[in-house]
Amino acid sequence: ELYTKSEQRKFFINMLKKALGGEFSLTTNAPKCVEIAVSEQADKNRYVVNILNFQTDSPTVPVYNTNVSLKLDKPVKRILNVPAETEIPFKQNGNTVEFTAEKVDIFEMFLLEY
């Protein structure tokens, strides 16, 4: 192989950015074992962000301080961590909202109300 997996990954990400015309709508500092899915529930005026920490090589170790940045069509009024419905601090700049999942054991869900 001419390139390492890390170099191939960077190349692929840069190609995706060019094909999409710029930055991604979701960026994060999460490790590779973390998956993030975003969906909109327009009838409830909110986005749902699911964060899954699934590690196959070892017992699941919590992931701390996962930053999530999303480009959204609607301004966010508040973010709740569910099911506890704890309000989460966030920053909003134009159509980008940023928040931090302080700890993800296996699964965390956030409601971004607009």
PDB file of N, CA and C in Angstrom:
ATOM      1  N   GLU A   1       0.834  -1.189   0.000  1.00  0.00           N
ATOM      2  CA  GLU A   1       0.000   0.000   0.000  1.00  0.00           C
ATOM      3  C   GLU A   1       0.875   1.248   0.000  1.00  0.00           C
ATOM      4  N   LEU A   2       0.448   2.227  -0.763  1.00  0.00           N
ATOM      5  CA  LEU A   2       1.200   3.469  -0.828  1.00  0.00           C
ATOM      6  C   LEU A   2       0.832   4.421   0.304  1.00  0.00           C
ATOM      7  N   TYR A   3      -0.394   4.299   0.825  1.00  0.00           N
ATOM      8  CA  TYR A   3      -0.887   5.215   1.844  1.00  0.00           C
ATOM      9  C   TYR A   3      -1.343   4.458   3.085  1.00  0.00           C
ATOM     10  N   THR A   4      -1.200   5.087   4.243  1.00  0.00           N
ATOM     11  CA  THR A   4      -1.711   4.495   5.471  1.00  0.00           C
ATOM     12  C   THR A   4      -3.225   4.672   5.512  1.00  0.00           C
ATOM     13  N   LYS A   5      -3.883   3.948   6.400  1.00  0.00           N
ATOM     14  CA  LYS A   5      -5.336   4.084   6.538  1.00  0.00           C
ATOM     15  C   LYS A   5      -5.715   5.506   6.934  1.00  0.00           C
ATOM     16  N   SER A   6      -4.910   6.121   7.769  1.00  0.00           N
ATOM     17  CA  SER A   6      -5.172   7.500   8.189  1.00  0.00           C
ATOM     18  C   SER A   6      -5.103   8.455   7.002  1.00  0.00           C
ATOM     19  N   GLU A   7      -4.110   8.270   6.150  1.00  0.00           N
ATOM     20  CA  GLU A   7      -3.972   9.123   4.964  1.00  0.00           C
ATOM     21  C   GLU A   7      -5.121   8.887   3.987  1.00  0.00           C
ATOM     22  N   GLN A   8      -5.527   7.628   3.835  1.00  0.00           N
ATOM     23  CA  GLN A   8      -6.658   7.309   2.963  1.00  0.00           C
ATOM     24  C   GLN A   8      -7.943   7.941   3.491  1.00  0.00           C
ATOM     25  N   ARG A   9      -8.110   7.907   4.790  1.00  0.00           N
ATOM     26  CA  ARG A   9      -9.297   8.494   5.424  1.00  0.00           C
ATOM     27  C   ARG A   9      -9.349  10.000   5.162  1.00  0.00           C
ATOM     28  N   LYS A  10      -8.217  10.681   5.354  1.00  0.00           N
ATOM     29  CA  LYS A  10      -8.156  12.127   5.120  1.00  0.00           C
ATOM     30  C   LYS A  10      -8.446  12.455   3.661  1.00  0.00           C
ATOM     31  N   PHE A  11      -7.896  11.660   2.766  1.00  0.00           N
ATOM     32  CA  PHE A  11      -8.130  11.866   1.341  1.00  0.00           C
ATOM     33  C   PHE A  11      -9.614  11.708   1.025  1.00  0.00           C
ATOM     34  N   PHE A  12     -10.234  10.659   1.530  1.00  0.00           N
ATOM     35  CA  PHE A  12     -11.656  10.397   1.289  1.00  0.00           C
ATOM     36  C   PHE A  12     -12.520  11.529   1.846  1.00  0.00           C
ATOM     37  N   ILE A  13     -12.211  12.007   3.038  1.00  0.00           N
ATOM     38  CA  ILE A  13     -12.970  13.113   3.644  1.00  0.00           C
ATOM     39  C   ILE A  13     -12.848  14.368   2.788  1.00  0.00           C
ATOM     40  N   ASN A  14     -11.649  14.672   2.322  1.00  0.00           N
ATOM     41  CA  ASN A  14     -11.459  15.850   1.466  1.00  0.00           C
ATOM     42  C   ASN A  14     -12.229  15.721   0.154  1.00  0.00           C
ATOM     43  N   MET A  15     -12.276  14.520  -0.416  1.00  0.00           N
ATOM     44  CA  MET A  15     -13.035  14.297  -1.649  1.00  0.00           C
ATOM     45  C   MET A  15     -14.541  14.500  -1.402  1.00  0.00           C
ATOM     46  N   LEU A  16     -15.036  14.019  -0.262  1.00  0.00           N
ATOM     47  CA  LEU A  16     -16.447  14.214   0.082  1.00  0.00           C
ATOM     48  C   LEU A  16     -16.774  15.698   0.238  1.00  0.00           C
ATOM     49  N   LYS A  17     -15.895  16.433   0.917  1.00  0.00           N
ATOM     50  CA  LYS A  17     -16.111  17.871   1.096  1.00  0.00           C
ATOM     51  C   LYS A  17     -16.200  18.582  -0.250  1.00  0.00           C
ATOM     52  N   LYS A  18     -15.297  18.236  -1.159  1.00  0.00           N
ATOM     53  CA  LYS A  18     -15.325  18.855  -2.481  1.00  0.00           C
ATOM     54  C   LYS A  18     -16.603  18.497  -3.235  1.00  0.00           C
ATOM     55  N   ALA A  19     -17.015  17.251  -3.141  1.00  0.00           N
ATOM     56  CA  ALA A  19     -18.224  16.806  -3.843  1.00  0.00           C
ATOM     57  C   ALA A  19     -19.476  17.465  -3.272  1.00  0.00           C
ATOM     58  N   LEU A  20     -19.475  17.735  -1.972  1.00  0.00           N
ATOM     59  CA  LEU A  20     -20.634  18.354  -1.324  1.00  0.00           C
ATOM     60  C   LEU A  20     -20.589  19.877  -1.370  1.00  0.00           C
ATOM     61  N   GLY A  21     -19.508  20.426  -1.853  1.00  0.00           N
ATOM     62  CA  GLY A  21     -19.420  21.877  -1.995  1.00  0.00           C
ATOM     63  C   GLY A  21     -19.022  22.614  -0.736  1.00  0.00           C
ATOM     64  N   GLY A  22     -18.291  21.993   0.146  1.00  0.00           N
ATOM     65  CA  GLY A  22     -17.829  22.701   1.342  1.00  0.00           C
ATOM     66  C   GLY A  22     -17.801  21.817   2.565  1.00  0.00           C
ATOM     67  N   GLU A  23     -18.173  22.393   3.679  1.00  0.00           N
ATOM     68  CA  GLU A  23     -18.120  21.686   4.950  1.00  0.00           C
ATOM     69  C   GLU A  23     -19.313  20.747   5.128  1.00  0.00           C
ATOM     70  N   PHE A  24     -19.146  19.793   6.029  1.00  0.00           N
ATOM     71  CA  PHE A  24     -20.225  18.877   6.372  1.00  0.00           C
ATOM     72  C   PHE A  24     -21.260  19.575   7.246  1.00  0.00           C
ATOM     73  N   SER A  25     -22.475  19.049   7.269  1.00  0.00           N
ATOM     74  CA  SER A  25     -23.505  19.622   8.137  1.00  0.00           C
ATOM     75  C   SER A  25     -23.326  19.177   9.582  1.00  0.00           C
ATOM     76  N   LEU A  26     -22.525  18.128   9.821  1.00  0.00           N
ATOM     77  CA  LEU A  26     -22.240  17.670  11.174  1.00  0.00           C
ATOM     78  C   LEU A  26     -20.741  17.462  11.303  1.00  0.00           C
ATOM     79  N   THR A  27     -20.164  18.045  12.353  1.00  0.00           N
ATOM     80  CA  THR A  27     -18.763  17.784  12.669  1.00  0.00           C
ATOM     81  C   THR A  27     -18.674  17.453  14.151  1.00  0.00           C
ATOM     82  N   THR A  28     -17.663  16.661  14.508  1.00  0.00           N
ATOM     83  CA  THR A  28     -17.503  16.230  15.885  1.00  0.00           C
ATOM     84  C   THR A  28     -16.056  15.836  16.143  1.00  0.00           C
ATOM     85  N   ASN A  29     -15.707  15.783  17.420  1.00  0.00           N
ATOM     86  CA  ASN A  29     -14.391  15.294  17.822  1.00  0.00           C
ATOM     87  C   ASN A  29     -14.483  13.857  18.332  1.00  0.00           C
ATOM     88  N   ALA A  30     -15.625  13.210  18.107  1.00  0.00           N
ATOM     89  CA  ALA A  30     -15.849  11.856  18.615  1.00  0.00           C
ATOM     90  C   ALA A  30     -14.869  10.866  17.992  1.00  0.00           C
ATOM     91  N   PRO A  31     -14.459   9.859  18.765  1.00  0.00           N
ATOM     92  CA  PRO A  31     -13.595   8.824  18.192  1.00  0.00           C
ATOM     93  C   PRO A  31     -14.377   7.957  17.197  1.00  0.00           C
ATOM     94  N   LYS A  32     -13.659   7.119  16.458  1.00  0.00           N
ATOM     95  CA  LYS A  32     -14.265   6.308  15.400  1.00  0.00           C
ATOM     96  C   LYS A  32     -15.347   5.359  15.907  1.00  0.00           C
ATOM     97  N   CYS A  33     -15.298   4.965  17.176  1.00  0.00           N
ATOM     98  CA  CYS A  33     -16.281   4.019  17.719  1.00  0.00           C
ATOM     99  C   CYS A  33     -17.640   4.673  17.987  1.00  0.00           C
ATOM    100  N   VAL A  34     -17.742   5.973  17.835  1.00  0.00           N
ATOM    101  CA  VAL A  34     -18.984   6.705  18.114  1.00  0.00           C
ATOM    102  C   VAL A  34     -19.689   7.038  16.807  1.00  0.00           C
ATOM    103  N   GLU A  35     -20.986   6.710  16.767  1.00  0.00           N
ATOM    104  CA  GLU A  35     -21.819   7.057  15.621  1.00  0.00           C
ATOM    105  C   GLU A  35     -22.839   8.097  16.056  1.00  0.00           C
ATOM    106  N   ILE A  36     -23.083   9.078  15.192  1.00  0.00           N
ATOM    107  CA  ILE A  36     -24.052  10.132  15.488  1.00  0.00           C
ATOM    108  C   ILE A  36     -25.059  10.189  14.353  1.00  0.00           C
ATOM    109  N   ALA A  37     -26.342  10.128  14.715  1.00  0.00           N
ATOM    110  CA  ALA A  37     -27.423  10.210  13.723  1.00  0.00           C
ATOM    111  C   ALA A  37     -28.314  11.394  14.082  1.00  0.00           C
ATOM    112  N   VAL A  38     -28.712  12.145  13.057  1.00  0.00           N
ATOM    113  CA  VAL A  38     -29.564  13.317  13.253  1.00  0.00           C
ATOM    114  C   VAL A  38     -30.816  13.149  12.395  1.00  0.00           C
ATOM    115  N   SER A  39     -31.963  13.409  13.002  1.00  0.00           N
ATOM    116  CA  SER A  39     -33.221  13.396  12.245  1.00  0.00           C
ATOM    117  C   SER A  39     -34.074  14.564  12.711  1.00  0.00           C
ATOM    118  N   GLU A  40     -35.028  14.939  11.873  1.00  0.00           N
ATOM    119  CA  GLU A  40     -35.932  16.031  12.225  1.00  0.00           C
ATOM    120  C   GLU A  40     -37.323  15.472  12.483  1.00  0.00           C
ATOM    121  N   GLN A  41     -37.941  15.955  13.560  1.00  0.00           N
ATOM    122  CA  GLN A  41     -39.340  15.665  13.857  1.00  0.00           C
ATOM    123  C   GLN A  41     -40.087  16.990  13.711  1.00  0.00           C
ATOM    124  N   ALA A  42     -40.423  17.331  12.472  1.00  0.00           N
ATOM    125  CA  ALA A  42     -41.018  18.637  12.166  1.00  0.00           C
ATOM    126  C   ALA A  42     -42.344  18.839  12.885  1.00  0.00           C
ATOM    127  N   ASP A  43     -43.116  17.767  13.063  1.00  0.00           N
ATOM    128  CA  ASP A  43     -44.406  17.887  13.750  1.00  0.00           C
ATOM    129  C   ASP A  43     -44.251  18.252  15.223  1.00  0.00           C
ATOM    130  N   LYS A  44     -43.046  18.027  15.781  1.00  0.00           N
ATOM    131  CA  LYS A  44     -42.776  18.360  17.183  1.00  0.00           C
ATOM    132  C   LYS A  44     -41.789  19.523  17.306  1.00  0.00           C
ATOM    133  N   ASN A  45     -41.449  20.146  16.177  1.00  0.00           N
ATOM    134  CA  ASN A  45     -40.532  21.290  16.146  1.00  0.00           C
ATOM    135  C   ASN A  45     -39.199  20.993  16.823  1.00  0.00           C
ATOM    136  N   ARG A  46     -38.559  19.904  16.380  1.00  0.00           N
ATOM    137  CA  ARG A  46     -37.274  19.553  16.981  1.00  0.00           C
ATOM    138  C   ARG A  46     -36.465  18.638  16.073  1.00  0.00           C
ATOM    139  N   TYR A  47     -35.165  18.661  16.337  1.00  0.00           N
ATOM    140  CA  TYR A  47     -34.238  17.703  15.752  1.00  0.00           C
ATOM    141  C   TYR A  47     -33.887  16.708  16.853  1.00  0.00           C
ATOM    142  N   VAL A  48     -33.593  15.485  16.482  1.00  0.00           N
ATOM    143  CA  VAL A  48     -33.169  14.457  17.430  1.00  0.00           C
ATOM    144  C   VAL A  48     -31.751  14.044  17.058  1.00  0.00           C
ATOM    145  N   VAL A  49     -30.858  14.102  18.048  1.00  0.00           N
ATOM    146  CA  VAL A  49     -29.470  13.697  17.847  1.00  0.00           C
ATOM    147  C   VAL A  49     -29.217  12.475  18.719  1.00  0.00           C
ATOM    148  N   ASN A  50     -28.881  11.354  18.078  1.00  0.00           N
ATOM    149  CA  ASN A  50     -28.562  10.117  18.795  1.00  0.00           C
ATOM    150  C   ASN A  50     -27.066   9.870  18.704  1.00  0.00           C
ATOM    151  N   ILE A  51     -26.453   9.580  19.849  1.00  0.00           N
ATOM    152  CA  ILE A  51     -25.018   9.302  19.897  1.00  0.00           C
ATOM    153  C   ILE A  51     -24.837   7.892  20.452  1.00  0.00           C
ATOM    154  N   LEU A  52     -24.194   7.036  19.666  1.00  0.00           N
ATOM    155  CA  LEU A  52     -23.975   5.643  20.044  1.00  0.00           C
ATOM    156  C   LEU A  52     -22.483   5.371  20.166  1.00  0.00           C
ATOM    157  N   ASN A  53     -22.076   4.875  21.331  1.00  0.00           N
ATOM    158  CA  ASN A  53     -20.692   4.507  21.605  1.00  0.00           C
ATOM    159  C   ASN A  53     -20.623   2.986  21.583  1.00  0.00           C
ATOM    160  N   PHE A  54     -20.151   2.431  20.469  1.00  0.00           N
ATOM    161  CA  PHE A  54     -20.119   0.977  20.314  1.00  0.00           C
ATOM    162  C   PHE A  54     -18.707   0.540  19.980  1.00  0.00           C
ATOM    163  N   GLN A  55     -18.071  -0.115  20.949  1.00  0.00           N
ATOM    164  CA  GLN A  55     -16.690  -0.544  20.789  1.00  0.00           C
ATOM    165  C   GLN A  55     -16.663  -2.066  20.683  1.00  0.00           C
ATOM    166  N   THR A  56     -16.136  -2.574  19.580  1.00  0.00           N
ATOM    167  CA  THR A  56     -16.144  -4.019  19.349  1.00  0.00           C
ATOM    168  C   THR A  56     -14.890  -4.717  19.860  1.00  0.00           C
ATOM    169  N   ASP A  57     -13.786  -4.011  19.975  1.00  0.00           N
ATOM    170  CA  ASP A  57     -12.518  -4.645  20.324  1.00  0.00           C
ATOM    171  C   ASP A  57     -12.303  -4.827  21.819  1.00  0.00           C
ATOM    172  N   SER A  58     -13.088  -4.150  22.621  1.00  0.00           N
ATOM    173  CA  SER A  58     -12.881  -4.225  24.072  1.00  0.00           C
ATOM    174  C   SER A  58     -14.196  -3.892  24.766  1.00  0.00           C
ATOM    175  N   PRO A  59     -14.235  -4.026  26.086  1.00  0.00           N
ATOM    176  CA  PRO A  59     -15.446  -3.568  26.777  1.00  0.00           C
ATOM    177  C   PRO A  59     -15.647  -2.079  26.510  1.00  0.00           C
ATOM    178  N   THR A  60     -16.898  -1.667  26.431  1.00  0.00           N
ATOM    179  CA  THR A  60     -17.197  -0.275  26.124  1.00  0.00           C
ATOM    180  C   THR A  60     -16.700   0.634  27.243  1.00  0.00           C
ATOM    181  N   VAL A  61     -15.900   1.600  26.856  1.00  0.00           N
ATOM    182  CA  VAL A  61     -15.362   2.598  27.778  1.00  0.00           C
ATOM    183  C   VAL A  61     -16.083   3.906  27.484  1.00  0.00           C
ATOM    184  N   PRO A  62     -16.528   4.627  28.514  1.00  0.00           N
ATOM    185  CA  PRO A  62     -17.225   5.903  28.271  1.00  0.00           C
ATOM    186  C   PRO A  62     -16.363   6.877  27.474  1.00  0.00           C
ATOM    187  N   VAL A  63     -17.036   7.683  26.664  1.00  0.00           N
ATOM    188  CA  VAL A  63     -16.386   8.740  25.901  1.00  0.00           C
ATOM    189  C   VAL A  63     -16.804  10.066  26.522  1.00  0.00           C
ATOM    190  N   TYR A  64     -15.841  10.929  26.790  1.00  0.00           N
ATOM    191  CA  TYR A  64     -16.109  12.194  27.475  1.00  0.00           C
ATOM    192  C   TYR A  64     -15.938  13.380  26.527  1.00  0.00           C
ATOM    193  N   ASN A  65     -16.725  14.421  26.812  1.00  0.00           N
ATOM    194  CA  ASN A  65     -16.614  15.718  26.126  1.00  0.00           C
ATOM    195  C   ASN A  65     -16.656  15.599  24.603  1.00  0.00           C
ATOM    196  N   THR A  66     -17.723  14.983  24.123  1.00  0.00           N
ATOM    197  CA  THR A  66     -17.934  14.856  22.683  1.00  0.00           C
ATOM    198  C   THR A  66     -18.592  16.129  22.171  1.00  0.00           C
ATOM    199  N   ASN A  67     -17.851  16.885  21.378  1.00  0.00           N
ATOM    200  CA  ASN A  67     -18.378  18.125  20.799  1.00  0.00           C
ATOM    201  C   ASN A  67     -19.143  17.807  19.524  1.00  0.00           C
ATOM    202  N   VAL A  68     -20.327  18.421  19.388  1.00  0.00           N
ATOM    203  CA  VAL A  68     -21.158  18.235  18.206  1.00  0.00           C
ATOM    204  C   VAL A  68     -21.466  19.616  17.631  1.00  0.00           C
ATOM    205  N   SER A  69     -21.233  19.772  16.334  1.00  0.00           N
ATOM    206  CA  SER A  69     -21.542  21.016  15.639  1.00  0.00           C
ATOM    207  C   SER A  69     -22.433  20.663  14.455  1.00  0.00           C
ATOM    208  N   LEU A  70     -23.598  21.317  14.375  1.00  0.00           N
ATOM    209  CA  LEU A  70     -24.574  21.023  13.336  1.00  0.00           C
ATOM    210  C   LEU A  70     -24.975  22.279  12.582  1.00  0.00           C
ATOM    211  N   LYS A  71     -25.072  22.164  11.270  1.00  0.00           N
ATOM    212  CA  LYS A  71     -25.655  23.233  10.462  1.00  0.00           C
ATOM    213  C   LYS A  71     -27.121  22.869  10.267  1.00  0.00           C
ATOM    214  N   LEU A  72     -28.003  23.736  10.756  1.00  0.00           N
ATOM    215  CA  LEU A  72     -29.436  23.459  10.727  1.00  0.00           C
ATOM    216  C   LEU A  72     -30.190  24.566  10.009  1.00  0.00           C
ATOM    217  N   ASP A  73     -31.385  24.234   9.533  1.00  0.00           N
ATOM    218  CA  ASP A  73     -32.222  25.211   8.824  1.00  0.00           C
ATOM    219  C   ASP A  73     -32.960  26.157   9.759  1.00  0.00           C
ATOM    220  N   LYS A  74     -33.121  25.755  11.017  1.00  0.00           N
ATOM    221  CA  LYS A  74     -33.926  26.532  11.957  1.00  0.00           C
ATOM    222  C   LYS A  74     -33.115  26.851  13.208  1.00  0.00           C
ATOM    223  N   PRO A  75     -33.303  28.038  13.791  1.00  0.00           N
ATOM    224  CA  PRO A  75     -32.582  28.360  15.032  1.00  0.00           C
ATOM    225  C   PRO A  75     -33.092  27.521  16.201  1.00  0.00           C
ATOM    226  N   VAL A  76     -32.181  27.087  17.047  1.00  0.00           N
ATOM    227  CA  VAL A  76     -32.510  26.236  18.186  1.00  0.00           C
ATOM    228  C   VAL A  76     -32.833  27.103  19.397  1.00  0.00           C
ATOM    229  N   LYS A  77     -33.921  26.755  20.102  1.00  0.00           N
ATOM    230  CA  LYS A  77     -34.319  27.475  21.324  1.00  0.00           C
ATOM    231  C   LYS A  77     -33.700  26.855  22.570  1.00  0.00           C
ATOM    232  N   ARG A  78     -33.663  25.517  22.594  1.00  0.00           N
ATOM    233  CA  ARG A  78     -33.031  24.830  23.728  1.00  0.00           C
ATOM    234  C   ARG A  78     -32.700  23.403  23.337  1.00  0.00           C
ATOM    235  N   ILE A  79     -31.767  22.809  24.116  1.00  0.00           N
ATOM    236  CA  ILE A  79     -31.360  21.425  23.902  1.00  0.00           C
ATOM    237  C   ILE A  79     -31.588  20.657  25.195  1.00  0.00           C
ATOM    238  N   LEU A  80     -32.259  19.518  25.061  1.00  0.00           N
ATOM    239  CA  LEU A  80     -32.534  18.655  26.207  1.00  0.00           C
ATOM    240  C   LEU A  80     -31.840  17.315  26.022  1.00  0.00           C
ATOM    241  N   ASN A  81     -31.222  16.819  27.106  1.00  0.00           N
ATOM    242  CA  ASN A  81     -30.703  15.461  27.138  1.00  0.00           C
ATOM    243  C   ASN A  81     -31.835  14.603  27.685  1.00  0.00           C
ATOM    244  N   VAL A  82     -32.257  13.589  26.963  1.00  0.00           N
ATOM    245  CA  VAL A  82     -33.372  12.754  27.406  1.00  0.00           C
ATOM    246  C   VAL A  82     -32.875  11.371  27.775  1.00  0.00           C
ATOM    247  N   PRO A  83     -33.571  10.660  28.667  1.00  0.00           N
ATOM    248  CA  PRO A  83     -34.929  10.911  29.144  1.00  0.00           C
ATOM    249  C   PRO A  83     -35.035  11.857  30.339  1.00  0.00           C
ATOM    250  N   ALA A  84     -33.915  12.254  30.928  1.00  0.00           N
ATOM    251  CA  ALA A  84     -33.970  13.110  32.114  1.00  0.00           C
ATOM    252  C   ALA A  84     -34.483  14.515  31.807  1.00  0.00           C
ATOM    253  N   GLU A  85     -34.478  14.898  30.525  1.00  0.00           N
ATOM    254  CA  GLU A  85     -34.876  16.243  30.083  1.00  0.00           C
ATOM    255  C   GLU A  85     -34.053  17.339  30.755  1.00  0.00           C
ATOM    256  N   THR A  86     -32.764  17.054  30.905  1.00  0.00           N
ATOM    257  CA  THR A  86     -31.830  18.030  31.438  1.00  0.00           C
ATOM    258  C   THR A  86     -31.463  19.004  30.335  1.00  0.00           C
ATOM    259  N   GLU A  87     -31.557  20.301  30.613  1.00  0.00           N
ATOM    260  CA  GLU A  87     -31.215  21.306  29.613  1.00  0.00           C
ATOM    261  C   GLU A  87     -29.697  21.385  29.465  1.00  0.00           C
ATOM    262  N   ILE A  88     -29.234  21.432  28.218  1.00  0.00           N
ATOM    263  CA  ILE A  88     -27.815  21.425  27.893  1.00  0.00           C
ATOM    264  C   ILE A  88     -27.418  22.802  27.342  1.00  0.00           C
ATOM    265  N   PRO A  89     -26.322  23.380  27.835  1.00  0.00           N
ATOM    266  CA  PRO A  89     -25.870  24.660  27.261  1.00  0.00           C
ATOM    267  C   PRO A  89     -25.398  24.460  25.826  1.00  0.00           C
ATOM    268  N   PHE A  90     -25.586  25.486  25.004  1.00  0.00           N
ATOM    269  CA  PHE A  90     -25.167  25.418  23.610  1.00  0.00           C
ATOM    270  C   PHE A  90     -24.822  26.805  23.106  1.00  0.00           C
ATOM    271  N   LYS A  91     -24.113  26.822  21.979  1.00  0.00           N
ATOM    272  CA  LYS A  91     -23.776  28.073  21.293  1.00  0.00           C
ATOM    273  C   LYS A  91     -24.411  28.023  19.916  1.00  0.00           C
ATOM    274  N   GLN A  92     -24.882  29.170  19.464  1.00  0.00           N
ATOM    275  CA  GLN A  92     -25.450  29.246  18.130  1.00  0.00           C
ATOM    276  C   GLN A  92     -24.866  30.445  17.412  1.00  0.00           C
ATOM    277  N   ASN A  93     -24.364  30.198  16.214  1.00  0.00           N
ATOM    278  CA  ASN A  93     -23.793  31.256  15.390  1.00  0.00           C
ATOM    279  C   ASN A  93     -24.364  31.086  13.989  1.00  0.00           C
ATOM    280  N   GLY A  94     -25.309  31.940  13.629  1.00  0.00           N
ATOM    281  CA  GLY A  94     -25.980  31.795  12.339  1.00  0.00           C
ATOM    282  C   GLY A  94     -26.759  30.501  12.304  1.00  0.00           C
ATOM    283  N   ASN A  95     -26.486  29.665  11.303  1.00  0.00           N
ATOM    284  CA  ASN A  95     -27.211  28.396  11.206  1.00  0.00           C
ATOM    285  C   ASN A  95     -26.450  27.223  11.822  1.00  0.00           C
ATOM    286  N   THR A  96     -25.399  27.513  12.586  1.00  0.00           N
ATOM    287  CA  THR A  96     -24.614  26.462  13.238  1.00  0.00           C
ATOM    288  C   THR A  96     -24.858  26.460  14.741  1.00  0.00           C
ATOM    289  N   VAL A  97     -25.172  25.292  15.272  1.00  0.00           N
ATOM    290  CA  VAL A  97     -25.353  25.129  16.710  1.00  0.00           C
ATOM    291  C   VAL A  97     -24.305  24.134  17.211  1.00  0.00           C
ATOM    292  N   GLU A  98     -23.747  24.429  18.385  1.00  0.00           N
ATOM    293  CA  GLU A  98     -22.711  23.579  18.969  1.00  0.00           C
ATOM    294  C   GLU A  98     -23.071  23.236  20.407  1.00  0.00           C
ATOM    295  N   PHE A  99     -22.863  21.964  20.769  1.00  0.00           N
ATOM    296  CA  PHE A  99     -23.059  21.541  22.156  1.00  0.00           C
ATOM    297  C   PHE A  99     -22.109  20.395  22.458  1.00  0.00           C
ATOM    298  N   THR A 100     -22.001  20.058  23.743  1.00  0.00           N
ATOM    299  CA  THR A 100     -21.099  18.996  24.181  1.00  0.00           C
ATOM    300  C   THR A 100     -21.870  17.936  24.948  1.00  0.00           C
ATOM    301  N   ALA A 101     -21.672  16.690  24.553  1.00  0.00           N
ATOM    302  CA  ALA A 101     -22.171  15.551  25.328  1.00  0.00           C
ATOM    303  C   ALA A 101     -21.059  15.226  26.322  1.00  0.00           C
ATOM    304  N   GLU A 102     -21.305  15.531  27.598  1.00  0.00           N
ATOM    305  CA  GLU A 102     -20.235  15.397  28.591  1.00  0.00           C
ATOM    306  C   GLU A 102     -19.762  13.960  28.757  1.00  0.00           C
ATOM    307  N   LYS A 103     -20.694  12.997  28.713  1.00  0.00           N
ATOM    308  CA  LYS A 103     -20.321  11.589  28.878  1.00  0.00           C
ATOM    309  C   LYS A 103     -21.281  10.721  28.073  1.00  0.00           C
ATOM    310  N   VAL A 104     -20.705   9.827  27.259  1.00  0.00           N
ATOM    311  CA  VAL A 104     -21.509   8.859  26.512  1.00  0.00           C
ATOM    312  C   VAL A 104     -21.038   7.472  26.921  1.00  0.00           C
ATOM    313  N   ASP A 105     -21.858   6.815  27.756  1.00  0.00           N
ATOM    314  CA  ASP A 105     -21.522   5.436  28.135  1.00  0.00           C
ATOM    315  C   ASP A 105     -21.731   4.535  26.924  1.00  0.00           C
ATOM    316  N   ILE A 106     -22.986   4.353  26.547  1.00  0.00           N
ATOM    317  CA  ILE A 106     -23.326   3.569  25.364  1.00  0.00           C
ATOM    318  C   ILE A 106     -24.204   4.382  24.423  1.00  0.00           C
ATOM    319  N   PHE A 107     -25.207   5.070  24.975  1.00  0.00           N
ATOM    320  CA  PHE A 107     -26.163   5.795  24.133  1.00  0.00           C
ATOM    321  C   PHE A 107     -26.626   7.063  24.838  1.00  0.00           C
ATOM    322  N   GLU A 108     -26.693   8.143  24.095  1.00  0.00           N
ATOM    323  CA  GLU A 108     -27.255   9.402  24.576  1.00  0.00           C
ATOM    324  C   GLU A 108     -28.154   9.973  23.490  1.00  0.00           C
ATOM    325  N   MET A 109     -29.238  10.621  23.912  1.00  0.00           N
ATOM    326  CA  MET A 109     -30.153  11.259  22.983  1.00  0.00           C
ATOM    327  C   MET A 109     -30.368  12.699  23.392  1.00  0.00           C
ATOM    328  N   PHE A 110     -30.389  13.586  22.379  1.00  0.00           N
ATOM    329  CA  PHE A 110     -30.603  15.005  22.610  1.00  0.00           C
ATOM    330  C   PHE A 110     -31.725  15.491  21.720  1.00  0.00           C
ATOM    331  N   LEU A 111     -32.576  16.338  22.283  1.00  0.00           N
ATOM    332  CA  LEU A 111     -33.645  16.981  21.526  1.00  0.00           C
ATOM    333  C   LEU A 111     -33.276  18.438  21.342  1.00  0.00           C
ATOM    334  N   LEU A 112     -33.197  18.882  20.104  1.00  0.00           N
ATOM    335  CA  LEU A 112     -32.882  20.284  19.787  1.00  0.00           C
ATOM    336  C   LEU A 112     -34.178  20.927  19.349  1.00  0.00           C
ATOM    337  N   GLU A 113     -34.792  21.680  20.258  1.00  0.00           N
ATOM    338  CA  GLU A 113     -36.094  22.279  19.986  1.00  0.00           C
ATOM    339  C   GLU A 113     -35.939  23.599  19.253  1.00  0.00           C
ATOM    340  N   TYR A 114     -36.835  23.819  18.295  1.00  0.00           N
ATOM    341  CA  TYR A 114     -36.815  25.080  17.547  1.00  0.00           C
ATOM    342  C   TYR A 114     -38.190  25.708  17.550  1.00  0.00           C
TER     343      TYR A 114
END
